[in-house]
Amino acid sequence: MTKVSQGAVTVILSGSRPGADVISTMSPRYLVLDGRILENENDDWPNTVYLWQSQDWANMFDVVPEFPFSEETCSRITEVSQKAHAKGQRIRFW
């Protein structure tokens, strides 16, 4: 059963999107960006600008995902996750 509740909605722009410098100056602003891990991994933009960091799996790892993940893949996922989570961001791969 679907649960419906009233409250705020977070709009996340992904794909072809304006840069953080444009979004951060909007007032009022009703959206955040889905950034690219390889472009934004070491930047200082807060989660109020980039709520998500995402990347095509093949661009991050150059391999088709196999389970269980290799130690190298696990280490890289952990590194990316820790950086994003320290800024209150989430990560995703497609």
PDB file of N, CA and C in Angstrom:
ATOM      1  N   MET A   1       0.842  -1.173   0.000  1.00  0.00           N
ATOM      2  CA  MET A   1       0.000   0.000   0.000  1.00  0.00           C
ATOM      3  C   MET A   1       0.893   1.244   0.000  1.00  0.00           C
ATOM      4  N   THR A   2       0.539   2.220  -0.806  1.00  0.00           N
ATOM      5  CA  THR A   2       1.290   3.462  -0.897  1.00  0.00           C
ATOM      6  C   THR A   2       0.893   4.393   0.239  1.00  0.00           C
ATOM      7  N   LYS A   3       1.878   4.956   0.880  1.00  0.00           N
ATOM      8  CA  LYS A   3       1.627   5.921   1.943  1.00  0.00           C
ATOM      9  C   LYS A   3       1.754   7.323   1.353  1.00  0.00           C
ATOM     10  N   VAL A   4       0.756   8.136   1.566  1.00  0.00           N
ATOM     11  CA  VAL A   4       0.752   9.513   1.079  1.00  0.00           C
ATOM     12  C   VAL A   4       0.788  10.438   2.284  1.00  0.00           C
ATOM     13  N   SER A   5       1.675  11.400   2.239  1.00  0.00           N
ATOM     14  CA  SER A   5       1.741  12.376   3.315  1.00  0.00           C
ATOM     15  C   SER A   5       1.995  13.757   2.723  1.00  0.00           C
ATOM     16  N   GLN A   6       1.562  14.767   3.444  1.00  0.00           N
ATOM     17  CA  GLN A   6       1.774  16.134   3.000  1.00  0.00           C
ATOM     18  C   GLN A   6       3.101  16.634   3.552  1.00  0.00           C
ATOM     19  N   GLY A   7       3.779  17.461   2.767  1.00  0.00           N
ATOM     20  CA  GLY A   7       5.038  18.029   3.219  1.00  0.00           C
ATOM     21  C   GLY A   7       5.812  18.612   2.051  1.00  0.00           C
ATOM     22  N   ALA A   8       7.034  18.936   2.328  1.00  0.00           N
ATOM     23  CA  ALA A   8       7.896  19.557   1.331  1.00  0.00           C
ATOM     24  C   ALA A   8       8.322  18.550   0.268  1.00  0.00           C
ATOM     25  N   VAL A   9       8.625  19.058  -0.901  1.00  0.00           N
ATOM     26  CA  VAL A   9       9.128  18.260  -2.012  1.00  0.00           C
ATOM     27  C   VAL A   9      10.494  18.821  -2.377  1.00  0.00           C
ATOM     28  N   THR A  10      11.471  17.950  -2.595  1.00  0.00           N
ATOM     29  CA  THR A  10      12.790  18.380  -3.040  1.00  0.00           C
ATOM     30  C   THR A  10      12.913  18.102  -4.527  1.00  0.00           C
ATOM     31  N   VAL A  11      13.127  19.135  -5.313  1.00  0.00           N
ATOM     32  CA  VAL A  11      13.312  19.002  -6.751  1.00  0.00           C
ATOM     33  C   VAL A  11      14.811  18.880  -7.005  1.00  0.00           C
ATOM     34  N   ILE A  12      15.201  17.816  -7.712  1.00  0.00           N
ATOM     35  CA  ILE A  12      16.609  17.572  -8.002  1.00  0.00           C
ATOM     36  C   ILE A  12      16.803  17.615  -9.515  1.00  0.00           C
ATOM     37  N   LEU A  13      17.605  18.563  -9.997  1.00  0.00           N
ATOM     38  CA  LEU A  13      17.912  18.645 -11.425  1.00  0.00           C
ATOM     39  C   LEU A  13      19.069  17.712 -11.741  1.00  0.00           C
ATOM     40  N   SER A  14      18.893  16.912 -12.775  1.00  0.00           N
ATOM     41  CA  SER A  14      19.922  15.967 -13.190  1.00  0.00           C
ATOM     42  C   SER A  14      20.100  16.081 -14.695  1.00  0.00           C
ATOM     43  N   GLY A  15      21.170  15.495 -15.213  1.00  0.00           N
ATOM     44  CA  GLY A  15      21.403  15.534 -16.650  1.00  0.00           C
ATOM     45  C   GLY A  15      21.983  16.873 -17.064  1.00  0.00           C
ATOM     46  N   SER A  16      21.459  17.425 -18.143  1.00  0.00           N
ATOM     47  CA  SER A  16      21.921  18.726 -18.626  1.00  0.00           C
ATOM     48  C   SER A  16      21.339  19.795 -17.705  1.00  0.00           C
ATOM     49  N   ARG A  17      22.187  20.378 -16.878  1.00  0.00           N
ATOM     50  CA  ARG A  17      21.721  21.288 -15.835  1.00  0.00           C
ATOM     51  C   ARG A  17      22.659  22.478 -15.730  1.00  0.00           C
ATOM     52  N   PRO A  18      22.178  23.587 -15.159  1.00  0.00           N
ATOM     53  CA  PRO A  18      23.062  24.736 -14.947  1.00  0.00           C
ATOM     54  C   PRO A  18      24.101  24.416 -13.874  1.00  0.00           C
ATOM     55  N   GLY A  19      25.120  25.219 -13.800  1.00  0.00           N
ATOM     56  CA  GLY A  19      26.177  25.015 -12.818  1.00  0.00           C
ATOM     57  C   GLY A  19      25.787  25.465 -11.428  1.00  0.00           C
ATOM     58  N   ALA A  20      26.558  25.012 -10.451  1.00  0.00           N
ATOM     59  CA  ALA A  20      26.310  25.363  -9.051  1.00  0.00           C
ATOM     60  C   ALA A  20      26.387  26.864  -8.834  1.00  0.00           C
ATOM     61  N   ASP A  21      27.251  27.552  -9.583  1.00  0.00           N
ATOM     62  CA  ASP A  21      27.379  29.000  -9.414  1.00  0.00           C
ATOM     63  C   ASP A  21      26.087  29.715  -9.786  1.00  0.00           C
ATOM     64  N   VAL A  22      25.346  29.201 -10.752  1.00  0.00           N
ATOM     65  CA  VAL A  22      24.062  29.781 -11.145  1.00  0.00           C
ATOM     66  C   VAL A  22      23.001  29.448 -10.104  1.00  0.00           C
ATOM     67  N   ILE A  23      22.924  28.209  -9.720  1.00  0.00           N
ATOM     68  CA  ILE A  23      21.900  27.752  -8.775  1.00  0.00           C
ATOM     69  C   ILE A  23      22.071  28.414  -7.409  1.00  0.00           C
ATOM     70  N   SER A  24      23.300  28.537  -6.954  1.00  0.00           N
ATOM     71  CA  SER A  24      23.537  29.060  -5.605  1.00  0.00           C
ATOM     72  C   SER A  24      23.106  30.519  -5.440  1.00  0.00           C
ATOM     73  N   THR A  25      22.979  31.255  -6.549  1.00  0.00           N
ATOM     74  CA  THR A  25      22.591  32.666  -6.453  1.00  0.00           C
ATOM     75  C   THR A  25      21.086  32.885  -6.629  1.00  0.00           C
ATOM     76  N   MET A  26      20.346  31.823  -6.924  1.00  0.00           N
ATOM     77  CA  MET A  26      18.900  31.954  -7.105  1.00  0.00           C
ATOM     78  C   MET A  26      18.218  32.208  -5.762  1.00  0.00           C
ATOM     79  N   SER A  27      17.277  33.153  -5.771  1.00  0.00           N
ATOM     80  CA  SER A  27      16.537  33.430  -4.545  1.00  0.00           C
ATOM     81  C   SER A  27      15.138  33.902  -4.912  1.00  0.00           C
ATOM     82  N   PRO A  28      14.127  33.235  -4.488  1.00  0.00           N
ATOM     83  CA  PRO A  28      14.184  31.977  -3.746  1.00  0.00           C
ATOM     84  C   PRO A  28      14.568  30.833  -4.684  1.00  0.00           C
ATOM     85  N   ARG A  29      15.069  29.776  -4.122  1.00  0.00           N
ATOM     86  CA  ARG A  29      15.482  28.598  -4.905  1.00  0.00           C
ATOM     87  C   ARG A  29      14.691  27.402  -4.413  1.00  0.00           C
ATOM     88  N   TYR A  30      14.110  26.687  -5.343  1.00  0.00           N
ATOM     89  CA  TYR A  30      13.269  25.541  -5.010  1.00  0.00           C
ATOM     90  C   TYR A  30      13.856  24.225  -5.508  1.00  0.00           C
ATOM     91  N   LEU A  31      15.149  24.180  -5.724  1.00  0.00           N
ATOM     92  CA  LEU A  31      15.749  22.972  -6.271  1.00  0.00           C
ATOM     93  C   LEU A  31      17.196  22.816  -5.829  1.00  0.00           C
ATOM     94  N   VAL A  32      17.704  21.616  -6.004  1.00  0.00           N
ATOM     95  CA  VAL A  32      19.113  21.291  -5.794  1.00  0.00           C
ATOM     96  C   VAL A  32      19.599  20.543  -7.028  1.00  0.00           C
ATOM     97  N   LEU A  33      20.897  20.317  -7.100  1.00  0.00           N
ATOM     98  CA  LEU A  33      21.479  19.653  -8.265  1.00  0.00           C
ATOM     99  C   LEU A  33      21.930  18.237  -7.957  1.00  0.00           C
ATOM    100  N   ASP A  34      21.908  17.423  -8.991  1.00  0.00           N
ATOM    101  CA  ASP A  34      22.523  16.097  -8.973  1.00  0.00           C
ATOM    102  C   ASP A  34      23.871  16.291  -9.653  1.00  0.00           C
ATOM    103  N   GLY A  35      24.933  16.356  -8.854  1.00  0.00           N
ATOM    104  CA  GLY A  35      26.263  16.597  -9.399  1.00  0.00           C
ATOM    105  C   GLY A  35      26.904  15.320  -9.916  1.00  0.00           C
ATOM    106  N   ARG A  36      28.020  15.460 -10.568  1.00  0.00           N
ATOM    107  CA  ARG A  36      28.777  14.318 -11.048  1.00  0.00           C
ATOM    108  C   ARG A  36      29.953  14.077 -10.109  1.00  0.00           C
ATOM    109  N   ILE A  37      30.116  12.860  -9.672  1.00  0.00           N
ATOM    110  CA  ILE A  37      31.173  12.517  -8.716  1.00  0.00           C
ATOM    111  C   ILE A  37      32.538  12.931  -9.252  1.00  0.00           C
ATOM    112  N   LEU A  38      32.839  12.580 -10.489  1.00  0.00           N
ATOM    113  CA  LEU A  38      34.171  12.870 -11.034  1.00  0.00           C
ATOM    114  C   LEU A  38      34.421  14.365 -11.208  1.00  0.00           C
ATOM    115  N   GLU A  39      33.369  15.159 -11.347  1.00  0.00           N
ATOM    116  CA  GLU A  39      33.520  16.609 -11.494  1.00  0.00           C
ATOM    117  C   GLU A  39      33.560  17.329 -10.147  1.00  0.00           C
ATOM    118  N   ASN A  40      32.827  16.814  -9.164  1.00  0.00           N
ATOM    119  CA  ASN A  40      32.592  17.563  -7.932  1.00  0.00           C
ATOM    120  C   ASN A  40      33.100  16.886  -6.672  1.00  0.00           C
ATOM    121  N   GLU A  41      33.802  15.806  -6.798  1.00  0.00           N
ATOM    122  CA  GLU A  41      34.198  15.018  -5.628  1.00  0.00           C
ATOM    123  C   GLU A  41      34.973  15.821  -4.592  1.00  0.00           C
ATOM    124  N   ASN A  42      35.793  16.746  -5.049  1.00  0.00           N
ATOM    125  CA  ASN A  42      36.648  17.495  -4.122  1.00  0.00           C
ATOM    126  C   ASN A  42      36.265  18.962  -3.985  1.00  0.00           C
ATOM    127  N   ASP A  43      35.061  19.317  -4.411  1.00  0.00           N
ATOM    128  CA  ASP A  43      34.655  20.718  -4.283  1.00  0.00           C
ATOM    129  C   ASP A  43      34.043  20.981  -2.916  1.00  0.00           C
ATOM    130  N   ASP A  44      33.726  22.214  -2.649  1.00  0.00           N
ATOM    131  CA  ASP A  44      33.198  22.609  -1.343  1.00  0.00           C
ATOM    132  C   ASP A  44      31.723  22.995  -1.373  1.00  0.00           C
ATOM    133  N   TRP A  45      31.020  22.695  -2.467  1.00  0.00           N
ATOM    134  CA  TRP A  45      29.608  23.050  -2.524  1.00  0.00           C
ATOM    135  C   TRP A  45      28.842  22.222  -1.497  1.00  0.00           C
ATOM    136  N   PRO A  46      27.949  22.863  -0.728  1.00  0.00           N
ATOM    137  CA  PRO A  46      27.198  22.153   0.310  1.00  0.00           C
ATOM    138  C   PRO A  46      26.034  21.353  -0.275  1.00  0.00           C
ATOM    139  N   ASN A  47      25.403  20.560   0.580  1.00  0.00           N
ATOM    140  CA  ASN A  47      24.267  19.755   0.127  1.00  0.00           C
ATOM    141  C   ASN A  47      23.040  20.607  -0.193  1.00  0.00           C
ATOM    142  N   THR A  48      23.064  21.871   0.133  1.00  0.00           N
ATOM    143  CA  THR A  48      21.968  22.750  -0.258  1.00  0.00           C
ATOM    144  C   THR A  48      22.059  23.125  -1.733  1.00  0.00           C
ATOM    145  N   VAL A  49      23.196  22.821  -2.371  1.00  0.00           N
ATOM    146  CA  VAL A  49      23.364  23.013  -3.812  1.00  0.00           C
ATOM    147  C   VAL A  49      23.403  21.650  -4.503  1.00  0.00           C
ATOM    148  N   TYR A  50      24.269  20.765  -4.039  1.00  0.00           N
ATOM    149  CA  TYR A  50      24.377  19.402  -4.576  1.00  0.00           C
ATOM    150  C   TYR A  50      23.914  18.416  -3.507  1.00  0.00           C
ATOM    151  N   LEU A  51      22.663  17.974  -3.624  1.00  0.00           N
ATOM    152  CA  LEU A  51      22.163  16.991  -2.664  1.00  0.00           C
ATOM    153  C   LEU A  51      22.640  15.590  -3.038  1.00  0.00           C
ATOM    154  N   TRP A  52      22.740  15.346  -4.325  1.00  0.00           N
ATOM    155  CA  TRP A  52      23.186  14.050  -4.828  1.00  0.00           C
ATOM    156  C   TRP A  52      24.490  14.215  -5.587  1.00  0.00           C
ATOM    157  N   GLN A  53      25.321  13.207  -5.545  1.00  0.00           N
ATOM    158  CA  GLN A  53      26.484  13.080  -6.420  1.00  0.00           C
ATOM    159  C   GLN A  53      26.307  11.737  -7.129  1.00  0.00           C
ATOM    160  N   SER A  54      26.355  11.734  -8.440  1.00  0.00           N
ATOM    161  CA  SER A  54      26.117  10.491  -9.169  1.00  0.00           C
ATOM    162  C   SER A  54      27.093  10.355 -10.328  1.00  0.00           C
ATOM    163  N   GLN A  55      27.154   9.139 -10.858  1.00  0.00           N
ATOM    164  CA  GLN A  55      28.094   8.882 -11.952  1.00  0.00           C
ATOM    165  C   GLN A  55      27.716   7.594 -12.657  1.00  0.00           C
ATOM    166  N   ASP A  56      27.995   7.543 -13.941  1.00  0.00           N
ATOM    167  CA  ASP A  56      27.868   6.309 -14.705  1.00  0.00           C
ATOM    168  C   ASP A  56      28.898   5.313 -14.159  1.00  0.00           C
ATOM    169  N   TRP A  57      28.444   4.122 -13.834  1.00  0.00           N
ATOM    170  CA  TRP A  57      29.321   3.104 -13.245  1.00  0.00           C
ATOM    171  C   TRP A  57      30.566   2.885 -14.106  1.00  0.00           C
ATOM    172  N   ALA A  58      30.390   2.800 -15.413  1.00  0.00           N
ATOM    173  CA  ALA A  58      31.512   2.523 -16.318  1.00  0.00           C
ATOM    174  C   ALA A  58      32.562   3.634 -16.292  1.00  0.00           C
ATOM    175  N   ASN A  59      32.161   4.867 -16.018  1.00  0.00           N
ATOM    176  CA  ASN A  59      33.128   5.967 -15.930  1.00  0.00           C
ATOM    177  C   ASN A  59      33.921   5.946 -14.635  1.00  0.00           C
ATOM    178  N   MET A  60      33.372   5.315 -13.616  1.00  0.00           N
ATOM    179  CA  MET A  60      34.062   5.240 -12.322  1.00  0.00           C
ATOM    180  C   MET A  60      34.982   4.031 -12.225  1.00  0.00           C
ATOM    181  N   PHE A  61      34.560   2.907 -12.810  1.00  0.00           N
ATOM    182  CA  PHE A  61      35.247   1.649 -12.524  1.00  0.00           C
ATOM    183  C   PHE A  61      35.773   0.904 -13.739  1.00  0.00           C
ATOM    184  N   ASP A  62      35.376   1.291 -14.939  1.00  0.00           N
ATOM    185  CA  ASP A  62      35.855   0.656 -16.168  1.00  0.00           C
ATOM    186  C   ASP A  62      35.596  -0.839 -16.228  1.00  0.00           C
ATOM    187  N   VAL A  63      34.654  -1.316 -15.457  1.00  0.00           N
ATOM    188  CA  VAL A  63      34.299  -2.729 -15.491  1.00  0.00           C
ATOM    189  C   VAL A  63      32.791  -2.879 -15.299  1.00  0.00           C
ATOM    190  N   VAL A  64      32.285  -3.993 -15.781  1.00  0.00           N
ATOM    191  CA  VAL A  64      30.891  -4.331 -15.522  1.00  0.00           C
ATOM    192  C   VAL A  64      30.819  -4.790 -14.070  1.00  0.00           C
ATOM    193  N   PRO A  65      29.831  -4.328 -13.314  1.00  0.00           N
ATOM    194  CA  PRO A  65      29.758  -4.731 -11.902  1.00  0.00           C
ATOM    195  C   PRO A  65      29.650  -6.242 -11.755  1.00  0.00           C
ATOM    196  N   GLU A  66      30.476  -6.786 -10.931  1.00  0.00           N
ATOM    197  CA  GLU A  66      30.432  -8.205 -10.600  1.00  0.00           C
ATOM    198  C   GLU A  66      30.312  -8.333  -9.101  1.00  0.00           C
ATOM    199  N   PHE A  67      29.609  -9.354  -8.680  1.00  0.00           N
ATOM    200  CA  PHE A  67      29.375  -9.549  -7.254  1.00  0.00           C
ATOM    201  C   PHE A  67      30.043 -10.837  -6.802  1.00  0.00           C
ATOM    202  N   PRO A  68      30.720 -10.840  -5.711  1.00  0.00           N
ATOM    203  CA  PRO A  68      30.937  -9.674  -4.853  1.00  0.00           C
ATOM    204  C   PRO A  68      31.915  -8.690  -5.512  1.00  0.00           C
ATOM    205  N   PHE A  69      31.845  -7.424  -5.070  1.00  0.00           N
ATOM    206  CA  PHE A  69      32.754  -6.410  -5.597  1.00  0.00           C
ATOM    207  C   PHE A  69      34.187  -6.742  -5.220  1.00  0.00           C
ATOM    208  N   SER A  70      35.111  -6.307  -6.080  1.00  0.00           N
ATOM    209  CA  SER A  70      36.531  -6.460  -5.766  1.00  0.00           C
ATOM    210  C   SER A  70      36.892  -5.540  -4.602  1.00  0.00           C
ATOM    211  N   GLU A  71      38.014  -5.803  -3.983  1.00  0.00           N
ATOM    212  CA  GLU A  71      38.489  -4.955  -2.884  1.00  0.00           C
ATOM    213  C   GLU A  71      38.720  -3.526  -3.371  1.00  0.00           C
ATOM    214  N   GLU A  72      39.262  -3.382  -4.566  1.00  0.00           N
ATOM    215  CA  GLU A  72      39.513  -2.056  -5.138  1.00  0.00           C
ATOM    216  C   GLU A  72      38.203  -1.288  -5.339  1.00  0.00           C
ATOM    217  N   THR A  73      37.184  -1.963  -5.871  1.00  0.00           N
ATOM    218  CA  THR A  73      35.883  -1.327  -6.073  1.00  0.00           C
ATOM    219  C   THR A  73      35.265  -0.927  -4.736  1.00  0.00           C
ATOM    220  N   CYS A  74      35.324  -1.809  -3.768  1.00  0.00           N
ATOM    221  CA  CYS A  74      34.782  -1.502  -2.428  1.00  0.00           C
ATOM    222  C   CYS A  74      35.488  -0.300  -1.814  1.00  0.00           C
ATOM    223  N   SER A  75      36.799  -0.235  -1.962  1.00  0.00           N
ATOM    224  CA  SER A  75      37.564   0.884  -1.411  1.00  0.00           C
ATOM    225  C   SER A  75      37.158   2.204  -2.054  1.00  0.00           C
ATOM    226  N   ARG A  76      36.973   2.194  -3.378  1.00  0.00           N
ATOM    227  CA  ARG A  76      36.596   3.419  -4.087  1.00  0.00           C
ATOM    228  C   ARG A  76      35.183   3.846  -3.707  1.00  0.00           C
ATOM    229  N   ILE A  77      34.261   2.905  -3.609  1.00  0.00           N
ATOM    230  CA  ILE A  77      32.892   3.229  -3.196  1.00  0.00           C
ATOM    231  C   ILE A  77      32.897   3.814  -1.783  1.00  0.00           C
ATOM    232  N   THR A  78      33.683   3.226  -0.899  1.00  0.00           N
ATOM    233  CA  THR A  78      33.785   3.723   0.479  1.00  0.00           C
ATOM    234  C   THR A  78      34.340   5.137   0.497  1.00  0.00           C
ATOM    235  N   GLU A  79      35.391   5.390  -0.271  1.00  0.00           N
ATOM    236  CA  GLU A  79      35.999   6.721  -0.334  1.00  0.00           C
ATOM    237  C   GLU A  79      34.997   7.763  -0.825  1.00  0.00           C
ATOM    238  N   VAL A  80      34.315   7.469  -1.914  1.00  0.00           N
ATOM    239  CA  VAL A  80      33.335   8.399  -2.482  1.00  0.00           C
ATOM    240  C   VAL A  80      32.188   8.617  -1.496  1.00  0.00           C
ATOM    241  N   SER A  81      31.710   7.538  -0.891  1.00  0.00           N
ATOM    242  CA  SER A  81      30.595   7.635   0.062  1.00  0.00           C
ATOM    243  C   SER A  81      30.964   8.489   1.265  1.00  0.00           C
ATOM    244  N   GLN A  82      32.140   8.284   1.812  1.00  0.00           N
ATOM    245  CA  GLN A  82      32.555   9.046   2.991  1.00  0.00           C
ATOM    246  C   GLN A  82      32.658  10.531   2.684  1.00  0.00           C
ATOM    247  N   LYS A  83      33.212  10.882   1.525  1.00  0.00           N
ATOM    248  CA  LYS A  83      33.314  12.293   1.146  1.00  0.00           C
ATOM    249  C   LYS A  83      31.928  12.915   0.984  1.00  0.00           C
ATOM    250  N   ALA A  84      31.047  12.214   0.299  1.00  0.00           N
ATOM    251  CA  ALA A  84      29.699  12.744   0.078  1.00  0.00           C
ATOM    252  C   ALA A  84      28.926  12.834   1.386  1.00  0.00           C
ATOM    253  N   HIS A  85      28.973  11.791   2.184  1.00  0.00           N
ATOM    254  CA  HIS A  85      28.219  11.780   3.437  1.00  0.00           C
ATOM    255  C   HIS A  85      28.729  12.830   4.422  1.00  0.00           C
ATOM    256  N   ALA A  86      30.014  13.143   4.380  1.00  0.00           N
ATOM    257  CA  ALA A  86      30.563  14.185   5.247  1.00  0.00           C
ATOM    258  C   ALA A  86      29.964  15.552   4.898  1.00  0.00           C
ATOM    259  N   LYS A  87      29.513  15.702   3.656  1.00  0.00           N
ATOM    260  CA  LYS A  87      28.881  16.954   3.221  1.00  0.00           C
ATOM    261  C   LYS A  87      27.357  16.847   3.233  1.00  0.00           C
ATOM    262  N   GLY A  88      26.831  15.740   3.782  1.00  0.00           N
ATOM    263  CA  GLY A  88      25.386  15.558   3.834  1.00  0.00           C
ATOM    264  C   GLY A  88      24.780  15.209   2.486  1.00  0.00           C
ATOM    265  N   GLN A  89      25.596  14.668   1.578  1.00  0.00           N
ATOM    266  CA  GLN A  89      25.129  14.317   0.245  1.00  0.00           C
ATOM    267  C   GLN A  89      24.922  12.806   0.133  1.00  0.00           C
ATOM    268  N   ARG A  90      24.201  12.430  -0.887  1.00  0.00           N
ATOM    269  CA  ARG A  90      23.976  11.023  -1.198  1.00  0.00           C
ATOM    270  C   ARG A  90      24.654  10.712  -2.512  1.00  0.00           C
ATOM    271  N   ILE A  91      24.973   9.436  -2.732  1.00  0.00           N
ATOM    272  CA  ILE A  91      25.567   9.043  -3.997  1.00  0.00           C
ATOM    273  C   ILE A  91      24.670   8.039  -4.712  1.00  0.00           C
ATOM    274  N   ARG A  92      24.844   7.974  -6.017  1.00  0.00           N
ATOM    275  CA  ARG A  92      24.158   6.949  -6.789  1.00  0.00           C
ATOM    276  C   ARG A  92      24.977   6.670  -8.049  1.00  0.00           C
ATOM    277  N   PHE A  93      24.823   5.477  -8.558  1.00  0.00           N
ATOM    278  CA  PHE A  93      25.453   5.062  -9.803  1.00  0.00           C
ATOM    279  C   PHE A  93      24.363   4.579 -10.747  1.00  0.00           C
ATOM    280  N   TRP A  94      24.579   4.808 -12.020  1.00  0.00           N
ATOM    281  CA  TRP A  94      23.623   4.274 -12.996  1.00  0.00           C
ATOM    282  C   TRP A  94      24.356   3.473 -14.024  1.00  0.00           C
TER     283      TRP A  94
END
